[in-house]
Amino acid sequence: MDSTALEGAISDLAGAKERWAELPIAGRLDYLNRIRTLVAGRADAWVALAAQAKGLRQDSPLLNEEWLGGPYAVLGWINAITETLQALDAGTDPLRGSKVSQRADGQTVVRVAPHDFNEWLLLNGFSTEVWMQPGVTPANVRDSLGSAYRGPRPTGQVALVLGAGNVSSIAPLDLLYKLYADNEVVVCKLNPVNDYLGPTFEEIFAPLIEDGYVRFVYGGADVGEYLCTHAGVDTIHVTGSERTHDAIVYGVGPEAAARRERDERVNPKPVSAELGGVGPTIVVPGPWSKADIAFQAEHIATQKLQNSGFNCIAAQVLVLPEGWEHTEALIAAVRSALEKAEQRPAYYPGADDRRQGAADAYAQAEALTGNRTLVTGVDASDPKAYAFTTEFFAPVLATTTLPAAGFLERAVTFANEQLHGTLGANILVHPRTLRELGPKLDDAVAALRFGTVAINAWTGVGYASPRATWGAFPGHTPDDIQSGTGVVHNALLFDRAQKTVVRGPFTPFPRSIGSGELAMSPRPPWFVTNKTALATAERLTRFAADGKLRRLPGILASAMRG
């Protein structure tokens, strides 16, 4: 894209930024309603383009990923932010129906899902909470949300969104967040990996484009650099790699590393970022049955292989207890699940090099069927271990072990101190063990310095939960950015959130009843082993688009067959 076109895009946005900043909520809601209709009408084309680009056959169950991680996620967020804005406009409580509580240590917790009966029914047994930063209390939590709508409107600004190339809903959701949470008009540069979606996105966002509030631009690193340094761009949001963030803030070339050491920024603009990292799945020892091992092996394989491993929150290190009677059996089951899951191309550029990097680092690396790799027995005491410090971003899974005595506390310390990044952590714990741990489990969750923690679920559920926050644990600085700064999604517009906590059932229905879990969820539709996942995901998307209750029986029937 040439400089003339880029200059035109920035000029258009500069001319519209004050109009957007001053636009009443009613006008903003009108755009959301129109965009919802456009997403629904173009969902099939959106998914078909992604399937073709990623090498998925049109009837593959894995195509659920493109529905759930594409139009479904965007529709869910539009529905959620619409409710929040309606409440703010009417002067009613945006947290109506959300349970607000306080932990023994004083931390405030807001349950954001299930939000209504439909969510309770469709994800029975799953729940999502947002845990607040210190100083937020049940009495003042409502004062720390939606600040952009509670006082004088700030001066209009132009935001640059650098879109991700892996999950198709990331760029649209980041764009919408900048508009509706940060009150900024947006120039969105799509990643060359998935800029084939550009024409579809331009059709979806046509109402905002026509009125000058959004522009899509295309190109490589040169276009990104041009926009990042453009005087007409006020803020930047990037979803990508730590390397990309550092190039934006500290530049490139031989002096860039030294500038970062000195925190000498070549770009002073505010930069928010979601950058991935090394995500753990912590397996708490307990009385697992053979059926538990088989199901959780599918779960772990899903955490790794969803989107062929090209996820910022893909599980990378499986943390296991030494001497647990089921450790070796679980590793064997995971190996089998990784091999048996439907094969697919490693479509993201550089995947082979990243897999080779893991193989070069570990002589014990196993090349599994297709393009998958398993590395067992990584030394947990090695603070510089390749698997702990380098995001694979490929279908590669590593395992490590910690002493069983005081395992959960040891695992929390290991994850906090030895794994690079703070985006997401998973914990798998048997219901009986969970009950025995009591408040100690939540204490462990509180101690984990990760932006999303999932208990008997995958952190990807937090990504798809629109009222949850999505981003790194607070506190990173530009010279040590790790998983980034700031949050997105966050349809309740919390200003001072610390982390999202997702909870799910350890066992699927009907076995969940026997384990004492009052949950009716079958094998989740995002599992790579779910044979009806495509039909379920498509039906969920249609329901998110129009909310027609007649769709519920079909969704439930498909889900139960999965």
Protein backbone atom coordinates (compact mmCIF):
# COMPACT_ATOMS: atom_id res chain seq x y z
CA MET A 1 0.00 0.00 0.00
CA ASP A 2 1.63 3.27 -1.05
CA SER A 3 2.20 6.31 1.12
CA THR A 4 -0.51 8.33 -0.64
CA ALA A 5 -3.17 5.81 0.38
CA LEU A 6 -1.82 5.66 3.93
CA GLU A 7 -1.78 9.44 4.21
CA GLY A 8 -5.36 9.54 2.98
CA ALA A 9 -6.45 7.02 5.62
CA ILE A 10 -4.82 8.98 8.45
CA SER A 11 -6.24 12.25 7.15
CA ASP A 12 -9.76 10.82 7.02
CA LEU A 13 -9.50 9.53 10.58
CA ALA A 14 -8.05 12.78 11.88
CA GLY A 15 -11.05 14.58 10.43
CA ALA A 16 -13.49 12.23 12.18
CA LYS A 17 -11.86 11.62 15.57
CA GLU A 18 -13.63 14.48 17.39
CA ARG A 19 -16.99 13.46 15.96
CA TRP A 20 -16.50 9.95 17.32
CA ALA A 21 -15.36 11.21 20.72
CA GLU A 22 -18.52 13.29 20.99
CA LEU A 23 -20.93 10.70 19.56
CA PRO A 24 -23.69 9.82 22.07
CA ILE A 25 -24.17 6.23 23.16
CA ALA A 26 -27.34 5.93 21.08
CA GLY A 27 -25.34 6.62 17.93
CA ARG A 28 -22.70 4.09 18.89
CA LEU A 29 -25.37 1.46 19.53
CA ASP A 30 -26.76 2.06 16.06
CA TYR A 31 -23.40 1.13 14.53
CA LEU A 32 -23.24 -2.03 16.65
CA ASN A 33 -26.68 -3.13 15.49
CA ARG A 34 -25.75 -2.64 11.86
CA ILE A 35 -22.41 -4.41 12.23
CA ARG A 36 -24.07 -7.37 13.96
CA THR A 37 -26.30 -7.85 10.93
CA LEU A 38 -23.34 -7.61 8.58
CA VAL A 39 -21.29 -10.15 10.56
CA ALA A 40 -24.20 -12.60 10.47
CA GLY A 41 -24.62 -12.16 6.73
CA ARG A 42 -20.96 -12.71 5.94
CA ALA A 43 -20.13 -15.39 8.50
CA ASP A 44 -20.20 -18.26 5.97
CA ALA A 45 -17.87 -16.45 3.59
CA TRP A 46 -15.57 -15.48 6.47
CA VAL A 47 -15.23 -19.10 7.61
CA ALA A 48 -14.84 -20.47 4.08
CA LEU A 49 -11.94 -18.11 3.38
CA ALA A 50 -10.19 -19.11 6.61
CA ALA A 51 -10.71 -22.81 5.90
CA GLN A 52 -9.16 -22.47 2.47
CA ALA A 53 -6.19 -20.49 3.75
CA LYS A 54 -5.51 -22.93 6.59
CA GLY A 55 -5.92 -26.05 4.49
CA LEU A 56 -9.02 -27.41 6.26
CA ARG A 57 -11.58 -29.41 4.32
CA GLN A 58 -15.02 -27.82 4.29
CA ASP A 59 -16.60 -30.61 6.40
CA SER A 60 -13.79 -30.99 8.94
CA PRO A 61 -14.90 -30.85 12.59
CA LEU A 62 -11.85 -28.64 13.14
CA LEU A 63 -13.64 -25.92 11.21
CA ASN A 64 -15.41 -25.18 14.50
CA GLU A 65 -12.31 -23.16 15.34
CA GLU A 66 -13.00 -20.73 12.52
CA TRP A 67 -16.63 -20.26 13.60
CA LEU A 68 -15.88 -19.91 17.33
CA GLY A 69 -12.66 -17.94 16.86
CA GLY A 70 -14.18 -15.83 14.08
CA PRO A 71 -17.74 -14.50 13.74
CA TYR A 72 -19.02 -16.12 16.95
CA ALA A 73 -16.49 -14.28 19.13
CA VAL A 74 -17.27 -10.96 17.45
CA LEU A 75 -21.02 -11.42 17.74
CA GLY A 76 -20.73 -12.36 21.40
CA TRP A 77 -18.75 -9.22 22.14
CA ILE A 78 -21.18 -6.99 20.24
CA ASN A 79 -24.07 -8.44 22.24
CA ALA A 80 -22.25 -7.94 25.53
CA ILE A 81 -21.02 -4.39 24.93
CA THR A 82 -24.50 -3.45 23.71
CA GLU A 83 -25.96 -4.41 27.09
CA THR A 84 -23.23 -2.50 28.93
CA LEU A 85 -23.74 0.67 26.89
CA GLN A 86 -27.51 0.47 27.24
CA ALA A 87 -27.12 0.31 31.02
CA LEU A 88 -24.71 3.24 31.08
CA ASP A 89 -27.01 5.26 28.85
CA ALA A 90 -30.03 4.54 31.04
CA GLY A 91 -28.14 5.12 34.27
CA THR A 92 -28.75 1.56 35.47
CA ASP A 93 -26.28 -0.97 36.85
CA PRO A 94 -24.04 -2.63 34.20
CA LEU A 95 -23.30 -5.37 36.77
CA ARG A 96 -26.94 -6.24 37.31
CA GLY A 97 -27.07 -10.03 37.49
CA SER A 98 -23.32 -10.34 38.13
CA LYS A 99 -22.38 -11.70 41.54
CA VAL A 100 -19.86 -9.45 43.31
CA SER A 101 -17.92 -11.00 46.20
CA GLN A 102 -14.74 -10.54 48.18
CA ARG A 103 -12.04 -13.07 48.96
CA ALA A 104 -10.67 -13.47 52.49
CA ASP A 105 -7.63 -11.40 51.47
CA GLY A 106 -9.90 -8.55 50.39
CA GLN A 107 -9.69 -9.05 46.62
CA THR A 108 -12.93 -8.26 44.82
CA VAL A 109 -14.33 -10.84 42.40
CA VAL A 110 -17.08 -10.30 39.82
CA ARG A 111 -18.69 -13.33 38.21
CA VAL A 112 -19.29 -12.37 34.58
CA ALA A 113 -20.49 -15.72 33.18
CA PRO A 114 -22.92 -17.33 33.02
CA HIS A 115 -24.53 -13.97 32.40
CA ASP A 116 -28.03 -15.25 31.72
CA PHE A 117 -30.05 -18.46 31.42
CA ASN A 118 -28.89 -19.11 27.87
CA GLU A 119 -25.23 -19.03 28.88
CA TRP A 120 -25.99 -21.25 31.87
CA LEU A 121 -27.70 -23.75 29.59
CA LEU A 122 -25.20 -23.75 26.72
CA LEU A 123 -22.04 -23.87 28.88
CA ASN A 124 -23.46 -25.69 31.87
CA GLY A 125 -20.82 -26.15 34.54
CA PHE A 126 -18.56 -23.39 33.22
CA SER A 127 -18.18 -20.02 34.89
CA THR A 128 -15.96 -16.97 34.45
CA GLU A 129 -14.87 -14.37 36.99
CA VAL A 130 -12.89 -11.15 36.78
CA TRP A 131 -10.63 -10.54 39.79
CA MET A 132 -9.85 -6.90 40.52
CA GLN A 133 -6.68 -5.06 41.40
CA PRO A 134 -5.99 -3.99 45.00
CA GLY A 135 -8.08 -1.05 46.10
CA VAL A 136 -11.20 -2.11 44.21
CA THR A 137 -13.93 -3.16 46.63
CA PRO A 138 -17.50 -4.41 46.24
CA ALA A 139 -18.58 -0.91 47.26
CA ASN A 140 -16.58 0.93 44.58
CA VAL A 141 -16.22 -1.62 41.78
CA ARG A 142 -18.95 0.09 39.76
CA ASP A 143 -17.02 3.36 39.97
CA SER A 144 -14.08 1.71 38.20
CA LEU A 145 -15.83 0.66 35.00
CA GLY A 146 -16.75 2.57 31.87
CA SER A 147 -14.70 5.63 32.78
CA ALA A 148 -14.71 6.81 29.15
CA TYR A 149 -18.49 7.26 29.47
CA ARG A 150 -18.72 8.66 32.99
CA GLY A 151 -17.00 12.02 32.74
CA PRO A 152 -16.24 14.63 30.11
CA ARG A 153 -15.44 12.98 26.81
CA PRO A 154 -11.69 13.00 26.12
CA THR A 155 -10.19 14.63 23.06
CA GLY A 156 -10.45 12.43 19.98
CA GLN A 157 -7.47 10.28 19.05
CA VAL A 158 -6.34 8.04 16.20
CA ALA A 159 -5.32 4.50 17.16
CA LEU A 160 -3.25 2.11 15.09
CA VAL A 161 -4.25 -1.55 15.51
CA LEU A 162 -1.71 -4.05 14.23
CA GLY A 163 -3.76 -7.19 13.69
CA ALA A 164 -2.70 -10.75 14.41
CA GLY A 165 -2.42 -13.35 11.66
CA ASN A 166 -3.53 -16.46 13.52
CA VAL A 167 -7.08 -16.08 14.93
CA SER A 168 -9.43 -14.18 12.67
CA SER A 169 -11.48 -12.43 15.37
CA ILE A 170 -8.46 -10.77 17.00
CA ALA A 171 -8.19 -7.77 14.67
CA PRO A 172 -11.96 -7.01 14.63
CA LEU A 173 -12.19 -7.32 18.42
CA ASP A 174 -9.13 -5.14 18.99
CA LEU A 175 -10.53 -2.58 16.57
CA LEU A 176 -13.90 -2.53 18.34
CA TYR A 177 -12.25 -2.25 21.75
CA LYS A 178 -10.27 0.81 20.72
CA LEU A 179 -13.46 2.41 19.40
CA TYR A 180 -15.82 1.57 22.25
CA ALA A 181 -13.60 1.28 25.31
CA ASP A 182 -10.82 3.76 24.49
CA ASN A 183 -12.96 6.16 22.42
CA GLU A 184 -10.49 6.25 19.52
CA VAL A 185 -10.95 5.99 15.77
CA VAL A 186 -8.89 3.22 14.19
CA VAL A 187 -6.55 2.49 11.32
CA CYS A 188 -6.23 -1.29 11.29
CA LYS A 189 -3.30 -2.91 9.50
CA LEU A 190 -4.05 -6.55 8.89
CA ASN A 191 -1.30 -9.14 9.16
CA PRO A 192 -0.16 -10.43 5.75
CA VAL A 193 -0.88 -13.97 6.95
CA ASN A 194 -4.64 -13.37 6.99
CA ASP A 195 -5.18 -10.17 5.05
CA TYR A 196 -7.28 -12.24 2.63
CA LEU A 197 -10.06 -11.40 5.10
CA GLY A 198 -9.66 -7.69 4.43
CA PRO A 199 -12.45 -7.35 1.84
CA THR A 200 -14.86 -9.24 4.14
CA PHE A 201 -13.94 -7.04 7.09
CA GLU A 202 -14.39 -3.93 4.99
CA GLU A 203 -17.91 -5.09 4.13
CA ILE A 204 -18.68 -5.80 7.79
CA PHE A 205 -17.36 -2.47 9.04
CA ALA A 206 -18.74 -0.49 6.10
CA PRO A 207 -20.96 1.77 8.30
CA LEU A 208 -17.93 2.88 10.32
CA ILE A 209 -15.73 3.15 7.24
CA GLU A 210 -18.27 5.28 5.38
CA ASP A 211 -18.41 7.77 8.24
CA GLY A 212 -14.63 8.02 8.57
CA TYR A 213 -14.16 6.16 11.86
CA VAL A 214 -12.28 3.09 10.58
CA ARG A 215 -9.75 2.41 7.86
CA PHE A 216 -8.14 -0.90 6.86
CA VAL A 217 -4.66 -0.86 5.37
CA TYR A 218 -2.44 -3.61 4.03
CA GLY A 219 1.24 -4.42 3.68
CA GLY A 220 4.29 -5.72 5.46
CA ALA A 221 6.63 -4.44 8.14
CA ASP A 222 7.40 -1.31 6.12
CA VAL A 223 3.75 -0.21 6.27
CA GLY A 224 3.62 -0.97 9.98
CA GLU A 225 6.76 1.06 10.61
CA TYR A 226 5.44 3.97 8.56
CA LEU A 227 2.21 4.09 10.57
CA CYS A 228 3.84 3.56 13.97
CA THR A 229 5.99 6.63 13.47
CA HIS A 230 3.34 8.76 11.76
CA ALA A 231 2.58 12.02 13.54
CA GLY A 232 -1.15 11.50 12.95
CA VAL A 233 -1.23 8.26 14.97
CA ASP A 234 -1.71 8.86 18.70
CA THR A 235 -1.76 5.35 20.19
CA ILE A 236 -0.78 1.84 19.11
CA HIS A 237 -2.16 -1.60 19.94
CA VAL A 238 -0.37 -4.72 18.74
CA THR A 239 -1.24 -8.39 19.02
CA GLY A 240 1.83 -10.34 18.01
CA SER A 241 5.32 -11.14 19.22
CA GLU A 242 7.55 -9.57 21.82
CA ARG A 243 10.02 -8.91 19.00
CA THR A 244 7.43 -6.81 17.14
CA HIS A 245 6.66 -4.78 20.26
CA ASP A 246 10.34 -4.06 20.86
CA ALA A 247 10.83 -3.00 17.24
CA ILE A 248 7.98 -0.50 17.62
CA VAL A 249 9.25 0.94 20.90
CA TYR A 250 13.04 0.65 20.57
CA GLY A 251 13.57 0.36 16.82
CA VAL A 252 15.59 -2.24 14.94
CA GLY A 253 19.23 -2.82 14.15
CA PRO A 254 22.37 -3.27 16.25
CA GLU A 255 21.51 -0.52 18.75
CA ALA A 256 17.95 -1.64 19.50
CA ALA A 257 18.91 -4.09 22.28
CA ALA A 258 21.08 -1.47 23.96
CA ARG A 259 18.26 1.06 23.77
CA ARG A 260 15.93 -1.41 25.44
CA GLU A 261 18.48 -1.99 28.22
CA ARG A 262 18.52 1.78 28.81
CA ASP A 263 14.77 2.07 28.20
CA GLU A 264 15.56 4.68 25.58
CA ARG A 265 12.48 4.70 23.40
CA VAL A 266 12.51 5.82 19.81
CA ASN A 267 8.70 5.85 19.80
CA PRO A 268 7.12 7.67 22.76
CA LYS A 269 3.51 6.84 21.86
CA PRO A 270 1.40 4.77 24.28
CA VAL A 271 1.58 1.13 23.20
CA SER A 272 -0.75 -1.59 24.49
CA ALA A 273 0.07 -5.16 23.53
CA GLU A 274 -0.98 -8.80 23.74
CA LEU A 275 2.10 -10.89 23.04
CA GLY A 276 1.63 -14.48 24.11
CA GLY A 277 4.21 -16.40 26.11
CA VAL A 278 4.93 -19.82 27.57
CA GLY A 279 1.71 -21.23 28.97
CA PRO A 280 1.64 -24.02 31.57
CA THR A 281 -0.92 -26.74 32.19
CA ILE A 282 -0.54 -27.80 35.82
CA VAL A 283 -1.77 -31.34 36.67
CA VAL A 284 -2.59 -31.63 40.37
CA PRO A 285 -2.19 -35.24 41.61
CA GLY A 286 -5.40 -37.00 42.59
CA PRO A 287 -7.51 -40.16 42.24
CA TRP A 288 -7.83 -40.10 38.45
CA SER A 289 -9.54 -43.01 36.73
CA LYS A 290 -8.63 -44.41 33.31
CA ALA A 291 -11.56 -42.48 31.87
CA ASP A 292 -10.26 -39.29 33.51
CA ILE A 293 -6.83 -39.82 32.00
CA ALA A 294 -8.27 -40.40 28.53
CA PHE A 295 -10.54 -37.35 28.66
CA GLN A 296 -7.92 -35.00 30.07
CA ALA A 297 -5.41 -36.23 27.47
CA GLU A 298 -7.89 -35.02 24.82
CA HIS A 299 -8.19 -31.77 26.77
CA ILE A 300 -4.41 -31.25 26.87
CA ALA A 301 -4.08 -32.14 23.18
CA THR A 302 -6.76 -29.53 22.44
CA GLN A 303 -4.92 -26.90 24.47
CA LYS A 304 -1.89 -27.59 22.27
CA LEU A 305 -3.36 -28.36 18.84
CA GLN A 306 -6.27 -25.95 18.54
CA ASN A 307 -5.50 -23.79 15.49
CA SER A 308 -2.57 -26.16 14.82
CA GLY A 309 -0.74 -24.76 17.85
CA PHE A 310 -0.65 -21.20 16.51
CA ASN A 311 -2.22 -19.64 19.59
CA CYS A 312 -0.70 -17.22 22.05
CA ILE A 313 -2.32 -19.27 24.80
CA ALA A 314 -1.53 -22.73 23.49
CA ALA A 315 -0.34 -25.00 26.32
CA GLN A 316 3.42 -25.33 26.04
CA VAL A 317 4.62 -26.95 29.27
CA LEU A 318 2.74 -29.80 30.94
CA VAL A 319 3.70 -29.63 34.64
CA LEU A 320 3.35 -33.03 36.30
CA PRO A 321 3.94 -34.40 39.83
CA GLU A 322 6.94 -36.70 40.31
CA GLY A 323 6.04 -40.13 41.57
CA TRP A 324 2.31 -39.75 40.96
CA GLU A 325 0.94 -43.11 39.98
CA HIS A 326 -0.67 -41.71 36.84
CA THR A 327 2.12 -39.47 35.51
CA GLU A 328 3.48 -41.92 32.94
CA ALA A 329 0.01 -43.08 31.92
CA LEU A 330 -1.08 -39.49 31.31
CA ILE A 331 2.01 -38.73 29.22
CA ALA A 332 1.31 -41.86 27.15
CA ALA A 333 -2.33 -40.84 26.68
CA VAL A 334 -1.33 -37.32 25.66
CA ARG A 335 1.16 -38.71 23.15
CA SER A 336 -1.59 -40.88 21.68
CA ALA A 337 -4.06 -37.98 21.58
CA LEU A 338 -1.54 -35.76 19.81
CA GLU A 339 -0.98 -38.43 17.19
CA LYS A 340 -4.61 -39.39 16.65
CA ALA A 341 -6.03 -35.87 16.34
CA GLU A 342 -6.94 -34.93 12.78
CA GLN A 343 -3.89 -33.90 10.80
CA ARG A 344 -3.71 -30.40 9.38
CA PRO A 345 -1.13 -28.13 7.76
CA ALA A 346 1.21 -26.04 9.87
CA TYR A 347 0.07 -22.99 7.94
CA TYR A 348 1.74 -20.21 9.91
CA PRO A 349 5.09 -19.00 8.53
CA GLY A 350 8.18 -20.18 10.40
CA ALA A 351 6.52 -23.20 12.03
CA ASP A 352 9.10 -25.69 10.73
CA ASP A 353 11.96 -23.55 12.02
CA ARG A 354 10.35 -23.27 15.45
CA ARG A 355 9.77 -27.02 15.62
CA GLN A 356 13.38 -27.57 14.61
CA GLY A 357 14.49 -25.20 17.34
CA ALA A 358 12.80 -27.41 19.93
CA ALA A 359 14.30 -30.54 18.37
CA ASP A 360 17.77 -28.99 18.39
CA ALA A 361 17.41 -28.04 22.05
CA TYR A 362 16.32 -31.50 23.21
CA ALA A 363 17.76 -34.82 22.12
CA GLN A 364 14.66 -36.56 23.53
CA ALA A 365 12.28 -34.62 21.27
CA GLU A 366 9.85 -37.05 19.59
CA ALA A 367 8.63 -36.37 16.07
CA LEU A 368 5.04 -37.58 16.14
CA THR A 369 2.69 -38.28 13.26
CA GLY A 370 2.37 -35.31 10.94
CA ASN A 371 3.99 -32.10 12.11
CA ARG A 372 3.75 -32.57 15.90
CA THR A 373 6.51 -32.84 18.48
CA LEU A 374 6.57 -34.02 22.09
CA VAL A 375 9.49 -33.21 24.39
CA THR A 376 9.37 -35.13 27.67
CA GLY A 377 11.44 -34.73 30.81
CA VAL A 378 12.58 -31.11 30.59
CA ASP A 379 14.59 -30.30 33.73
CA ALA A 380 12.40 -28.07 35.92
CA SER A 381 15.45 -26.72 37.75
CA ASP A 382 16.96 -25.20 34.60
CA PRO A 383 15.93 -21.51 34.60
CA LYS A 384 17.22 -21.06 31.04
CA ALA A 385 15.51 -24.10 29.52
CA TYR A 386 14.50 -23.43 25.92
CA ALA A 387 10.96 -24.71 26.58
CA PHE A 388 10.55 -22.28 29.48
CA THR A 389 11.94 -19.17 27.81
CA THR A 390 10.90 -19.41 24.14
CA GLU A 391 7.32 -19.51 22.86
CA PHE A 392 7.07 -22.42 20.40
CA PHE A 393 4.03 -21.08 18.49
CA ALA A 394 3.86 -24.46 16.78
CA PRO A 395 2.41 -27.93 17.52
CA VAL A 396 5.14 -28.70 20.08
CA LEU A 397 4.43 -29.74 23.69
CA ALA A 398 6.97 -30.16 26.50
CA THR A 399 6.61 -31.90 29.86
CA THR A 400 8.38 -31.39 33.16
CA THR A 401 7.95 -32.71 36.71
CA LEU A 402 8.06 -31.26 40.20
CA PRO A 403 8.13 -33.03 43.58
CA ALA A 404 4.69 -34.25 44.63
CA ALA A 405 5.04 -32.91 48.18
CA GLY A 406 3.54 -29.42 48.21
CA PHE A 407 3.05 -29.79 44.46
CA LEU A 408 0.52 -27.01 43.85
CA GLU A 409 2.58 -24.39 45.66
CA ARG A 410 5.72 -25.56 43.85
CA ALA A 411 3.91 -25.41 40.51
CA VAL A 412 2.74 -21.85 41.13
CA THR A 413 6.28 -20.75 42.00
CA PHE A 414 7.67 -22.55 38.94
CA ALA A 415 5.14 -20.95 36.60
CA ASN A 416 5.67 -17.49 38.04
CA GLU A 417 9.45 -17.55 38.21
CA GLN A 418 10.65 -19.78 35.38
CA LEU A 419 8.17 -19.42 32.51
CA HIS A 420 8.46 -16.41 30.23
CA GLY A 421 5.18 -14.54 29.86
CA THR A 422 2.01 -14.12 31.90
CA LEU A 423 -0.90 -14.52 29.49
CA GLY A 424 -2.54 -17.77 30.55
CA ALA A 425 -2.19 -20.79 32.85
CA ASN A 426 -4.32 -23.95 33.11
CA ILE A 427 -4.91 -26.14 36.18
CA LEU A 428 -6.38 -29.66 36.02
CA VAL A 429 -7.65 -30.97 39.35
CA HIS A 430 -9.93 -33.90 40.23
CA PRO A 431 -13.21 -32.89 41.95
CA ARG A 432 -12.31 -34.80 45.09
CA THR A 433 -8.91 -33.14 45.26
CA LEU A 434 -10.55 -29.78 44.59
CA ARG A 435 -12.84 -30.27 47.56
CA GLU A 436 -9.91 -31.36 49.76
CA LEU A 437 -7.91 -28.29 48.80
CA GLY A 438 -10.78 -25.97 49.65
CA PRO A 439 -9.66 -22.32 49.74
CA LYS A 440 -6.06 -23.36 49.03
CA LEU A 441 -6.93 -23.72 45.37
CA ASP A 442 -8.18 -20.15 45.09
CA ASP A 443 -5.12 -19.02 47.04
CA ALA A 444 -2.98 -20.69 44.38
CA VAL A 445 -5.00 -18.97 41.65
CA ALA A 446 -4.51 -15.64 43.44
CA ALA A 447 -0.76 -16.24 43.56
CA LEU A 448 -0.46 -17.08 39.86
CA ARG A 449 0.74 -14.01 37.98
CA PHE A 450 -1.17 -14.70 34.78
CA GLY A 451 -3.85 -12.68 33.03
CA THR A 452 -6.17 -15.68 32.67
CA VAL A 453 -6.23 -18.79 34.83
CA ALA A 454 -8.43 -21.73 33.82
CA ILE A 455 -9.39 -24.47 36.30
CA ASN A 456 -10.47 -27.68 34.53
CA ALA A 457 -10.89 -25.59 31.41
CA TRP A 458 -8.67 -24.03 28.76
CA THR A 459 -7.76 -20.36 28.89
CA GLY A 460 -9.17 -20.08 25.37
CA VAL A 461 -12.60 -20.11 27.01
CA GLY A 462 -11.59 -16.83 28.64
CA TYR A 463 -10.73 -15.38 25.23
CA ALA A 464 -14.24 -16.24 24.00
CA SER A 465 -15.97 -14.89 27.12
CA PRO A 466 -16.80 -11.31 26.06
CA ARG A 467 -17.29 -9.83 29.52
CA ALA A 468 -13.94 -11.18 30.71
CA THR A 469 -10.69 -9.29 30.37
CA TRP A 470 -8.02 -10.57 27.99
CA GLY A 471 -4.37 -9.68 28.37
CA ALA A 472 -1.22 -10.13 30.41
CA PHE A 473 -1.00 -9.92 34.18
CA PRO A 474 -0.56 -6.22 35.08
CA GLY A 475 2.84 -4.78 35.76
CA HIS A 476 5.04 -5.35 32.70
CA THR A 477 7.19 -2.45 31.54
CA PRO A 478 8.24 -1.68 27.95
CA ASP A 479 11.80 -2.88 28.57
CA ASP A 480 10.50 -6.21 29.96
CA ILE A 481 7.21 -6.54 28.13
CA GLN A 482 6.79 -10.35 28.17
CA SER A 483 3.05 -10.91 27.46
CA GLY A 484 2.20 -7.24 27.09
CA THR A 485 0.28 -4.45 28.76
CA GLY A 486 -3.39 -3.51 28.91
CA VAL A 487 -6.47 -5.60 28.20
CA VAL A 488 -9.01 -6.05 25.43
CA HIS A 489 -12.48 -7.69 25.15
CA ASN A 490 -13.67 -6.61 28.64
CA ALA A 491 -17.21 -5.76 27.54
CA LEU A 492 -18.09 -4.60 31.06
CA LEU A 493 -15.35 -1.95 30.65
CA PHE A 494 -13.52 -2.63 33.92
CA ASP A 495 -10.75 -0.08 34.43
CA ARG A 496 -8.81 -1.95 37.12
CA ALA A 497 -9.04 -5.66 36.45
CA GLN A 498 -6.20 -7.97 37.44
CA LYS A 499 -7.07 -11.37 35.97
CA THR A 500 -9.81 -13.56 34.56
CA VAL A 501 -10.55 -16.94 36.17
CA VAL A 502 -12.41 -19.64 34.23
CA ARG A 503 -13.83 -22.76 35.89
CA GLY A 504 -15.13 -25.87 34.15
CA PRO A 505 -16.15 -29.46 34.91
CA PHE A 506 -13.38 -32.04 35.24
CA THR A 507 -15.50 -34.75 33.64
CA PRO A 508 -18.04 -34.59 30.81
CA PHE A 509 -21.72 -35.39 31.21
CA PRO A 510 -22.96 -37.93 32.26
CA ARG A 511 -19.80 -38.99 34.15
CA SER A 512 -19.81 -35.57 35.83
CA ILE A 513 -22.83 -36.58 37.89
CA GLY A 514 -20.98 -39.55 39.36
CA SER A 515 -18.04 -37.36 40.33
CA GLY A 516 -20.25 -34.96 42.25
CA GLU A 517 -20.11 -32.17 39.68
CA LEU A 518 -23.51 -30.71 38.92
CA ALA A 519 -22.69 -30.08 35.27
CA MET A 520 -24.42 -31.21 32.10
CA SER A 521 -21.68 -30.25 29.63
CA PRO A 522 -20.61 -33.02 27.25
CA ARG A 523 -17.26 -32.99 25.48
CA PRO A 524 -16.81 -29.28 24.67
CA PRO A 525 -17.19 -28.20 21.03
CA TRP A 526 -13.68 -26.73 20.95
CA PHE A 527 -12.07 -30.15 21.61
CA VAL A 528 -10.04 -31.37 18.63
CA THR A 529 -11.66 -34.78 19.22
CA ASN A 530 -15.27 -33.57 19.02
CA LYS A 531 -16.89 -35.06 15.90
CA THR A 532 -19.92 -32.73 15.85
CA ALA A 533 -17.95 -29.60 16.65
CA LEU A 534 -18.54 -27.98 13.26
CA ALA A 535 -22.33 -28.23 13.45
CA THR A 536 -22.38 -27.09 17.07
CA ALA A 537 -20.15 -24.07 16.42
CA GLU A 538 -22.12 -22.97 13.38
CA ARG A 539 -25.39 -23.24 15.28
CA LEU A 540 -23.96 -21.29 18.22
CA THR A 541 -22.95 -18.53 15.81
CA ARG A 542 -26.44 -18.35 14.27
CA PHE A 543 -27.88 -18.09 17.78
CA ALA A 544 -25.43 -15.32 18.74
CA ALA A 545 -26.54 -13.43 15.65
CA ASP A 546 -30.29 -13.46 16.23
CA GLY A 547 -30.95 -14.91 19.70
CA LYS A 548 -33.86 -17.02 18.47
CA LEU A 549 -34.74 -19.58 21.13
CA ARG A 550 -35.87 -22.10 18.52
CA ARG A 551 -32.18 -22.68 17.79
CA LEU A 552 -31.40 -24.01 21.29
CA PRO A 553 -32.65 -27.60 20.83
CA GLY A 554 -30.48 -28.05 17.74
CA ILE A 555 -27.41 -26.68 19.53
CA LEU A 556 -27.92 -28.96 22.51
CA ALA A 557 -28.60 -32.03 20.37
CA SER A 558 -25.43 -31.48 18.36
CA ALA A 559 -23.37 -30.81 21.48
CA MET A 560 -24.56 -33.99 23.20
CA ARG A 561 -23.55 -36.07 20.18
CA GLY A 562 -20.03 -34.64 20.33
